[in-house]
Amino acid sequence: MEIAKELGQDLKIVRVYCERKKDALISALRSNAIKPLNPILSVNEGEIETFSNIVALAGAEVFQNALNQRADIVIVGRATDTAIISALPLLKK
């Protein structure tokens, strides 16, 4: 922001937080909204309670939302390269 100010630029920055709360994850597990990936055969609430830091990977939709907000800069905690690269083409299809 300091550099943008020095250059006389007014930038819109969109920040995306990828951390998730345990209770939301447990709720999603109970409603079958999430399922474990192989090779893990199952996951349960007790295991989720042992997690110290839960983060999600941002998909293309997160970047599309930022673009729709006319963001100049998007700061995302975690994302895949394909999400970043595919966001605009998928938005324009």
Protein backbone atom coordinates (compact mmCIF):
# COMPACT_ATOMS: atom_id res chain seq x y z
CA MET A 1 0.00 0.00 0.00
CA GLU A 2 2.93 2.31 0.69
CA ILE A 3 4.29 1.85 -2.83
CA ALA A 4 0.84 2.29 -4.38
CA LYS A 5 0.39 5.49 -2.39
CA GLU A 6 3.78 6.79 -3.55
CA LEU A 7 2.76 6.04 -7.15
CA GLY A 8 -0.62 7.71 -6.70
CA GLN A 9 -2.47 4.43 -7.20
CA ASP A 10 -5.69 3.48 -5.47
CA LEU A 11 -5.72 -0.31 -5.36
CA LYS A 12 -8.51 -2.61 -4.33
CA ILE A 13 -7.13 -5.56 -2.40
CA VAL A 14 -9.27 -8.61 -1.69
CA ARG A 15 -8.09 -10.89 1.12
CA VAL A 16 -9.28 -14.49 1.34
CA TYR A 17 -8.79 -16.40 4.56
CA CYS A 18 -8.58 -20.17 4.19
CA GLU A 19 -8.61 -21.22 7.84
CA ARG A 20 -11.62 -23.25 8.89
CA LYS A 21 -13.16 -23.79 12.31
CA LYS A 22 -13.45 -27.26 13.83
CA ASP A 23 -17.19 -26.92 14.52
CA ALA A 24 -17.89 -26.07 10.87
CA LEU A 25 -15.88 -29.08 9.73
CA ILE A 26 -17.68 -31.37 12.18
CA SER A 27 -21.04 -30.01 11.01
CA ALA A 28 -20.06 -30.67 7.39
CA LEU A 29 -18.97 -34.20 8.31
CA ARG A 30 -22.28 -34.89 10.05
CA SER A 31 -24.24 -33.74 7.00
CA ASN A 32 -22.07 -35.79 4.59
CA ALA A 33 -20.93 -32.60 2.87
CA ILE A 34 -17.33 -33.78 3.15
CA LYS A 35 -15.77 -37.17 2.68
CA PRO A 36 -12.21 -38.40 3.21
CA LEU A 37 -9.91 -38.93 0.25
CA ASN A 38 -8.00 -42.15 -0.37
CA PRO A 39 -5.97 -43.62 1.22
CA ILE A 40 -7.79 -42.47 4.38
CA LEU A 41 -10.79 -44.76 4.77
CA SER A 42 -12.68 -42.68 7.31
CA VAL A 43 -12.49 -39.59 9.43
CA ASN A 44 -14.41 -38.93 12.62
CA GLU A 45 -15.21 -36.08 14.96
CA GLY A 46 -12.60 -37.21 17.49
CA GLU A 47 -9.87 -36.94 14.88
CA ILE A 48 -11.08 -33.51 13.82
CA GLU A 49 -10.90 -32.37 17.46
CA THR A 50 -7.16 -33.19 17.45
CA PHE A 51 -6.45 -30.90 14.49
CA SER A 52 -4.47 -27.80 15.44
CA ASN A 53 -4.83 -25.81 12.22
CA ILE A 54 -7.39 -26.47 9.49
CA VAL A 55 -6.98 -24.76 6.14
CA ALA A 56 -8.74 -25.20 2.82
CA LEU A 57 -7.40 -24.75 -0.68
CA ALA A 58 -9.09 -21.94 -2.56
CA GLY A 59 -10.58 -22.92 -5.90
CA ALA A 60 -11.22 -20.89 -9.01
CA GLU A 61 -14.49 -19.56 -7.55
CA VAL A 62 -12.59 -17.55 -4.93
CA PHE A 63 -10.59 -15.77 -7.63
CA GLN A 64 -13.69 -15.28 -9.76
CA ASN A 65 -15.41 -13.61 -6.82
CA ALA A 66 -12.40 -11.31 -6.36
CA LEU A 67 -12.42 -10.45 -10.07
CA ASN A 68 -16.14 -9.70 -9.89
CA GLN A 69 -15.32 -7.28 -7.05
CA ARG A 70 -12.83 -5.61 -9.41
CA ALA A 71 -9.82 -6.54 -7.29
CA ASP A 72 -6.43 -5.31 -8.38
CA ILE A 73 -4.64 -7.63 -5.96
CA VAL A 74 -5.87 -10.89 -4.43
CA ILE A 75 -4.20 -12.25 -1.31
CA VAL A 76 -5.11 -15.85 -0.58
CA GLY A 77 -3.80 -18.07 2.19
CA ARG A 78 -3.70 -21.26 0.13
CA ALA A 79 -4.65 -21.98 -3.46
CA THR A 80 -3.74 -24.29 -6.28
CA ASP A 81 -1.96 -23.00 -9.37
CA THR A 82 -4.81 -24.32 -11.51
CA ALA A 83 -7.35 -22.27 -9.54
CA ILE A 84 -5.43 -19.08 -10.22
CA ILE A 85 -4.83 -19.85 -13.89
CA SER A 86 -8.33 -21.11 -14.68
CA ALA A 87 -10.40 -18.48 -12.83
CA LEU A 88 -10.62 -15.90 -15.61
CA PRO A 89 -11.16 -18.31 -18.53
CA LEU A 90 -13.91 -20.11 -16.59
CA LEU A 91 -15.51 -16.78 -15.75
CA LYS A 92 -15.56 -15.78 -19.43
CA LYS A 93 -16.86 -19.06 -20.88
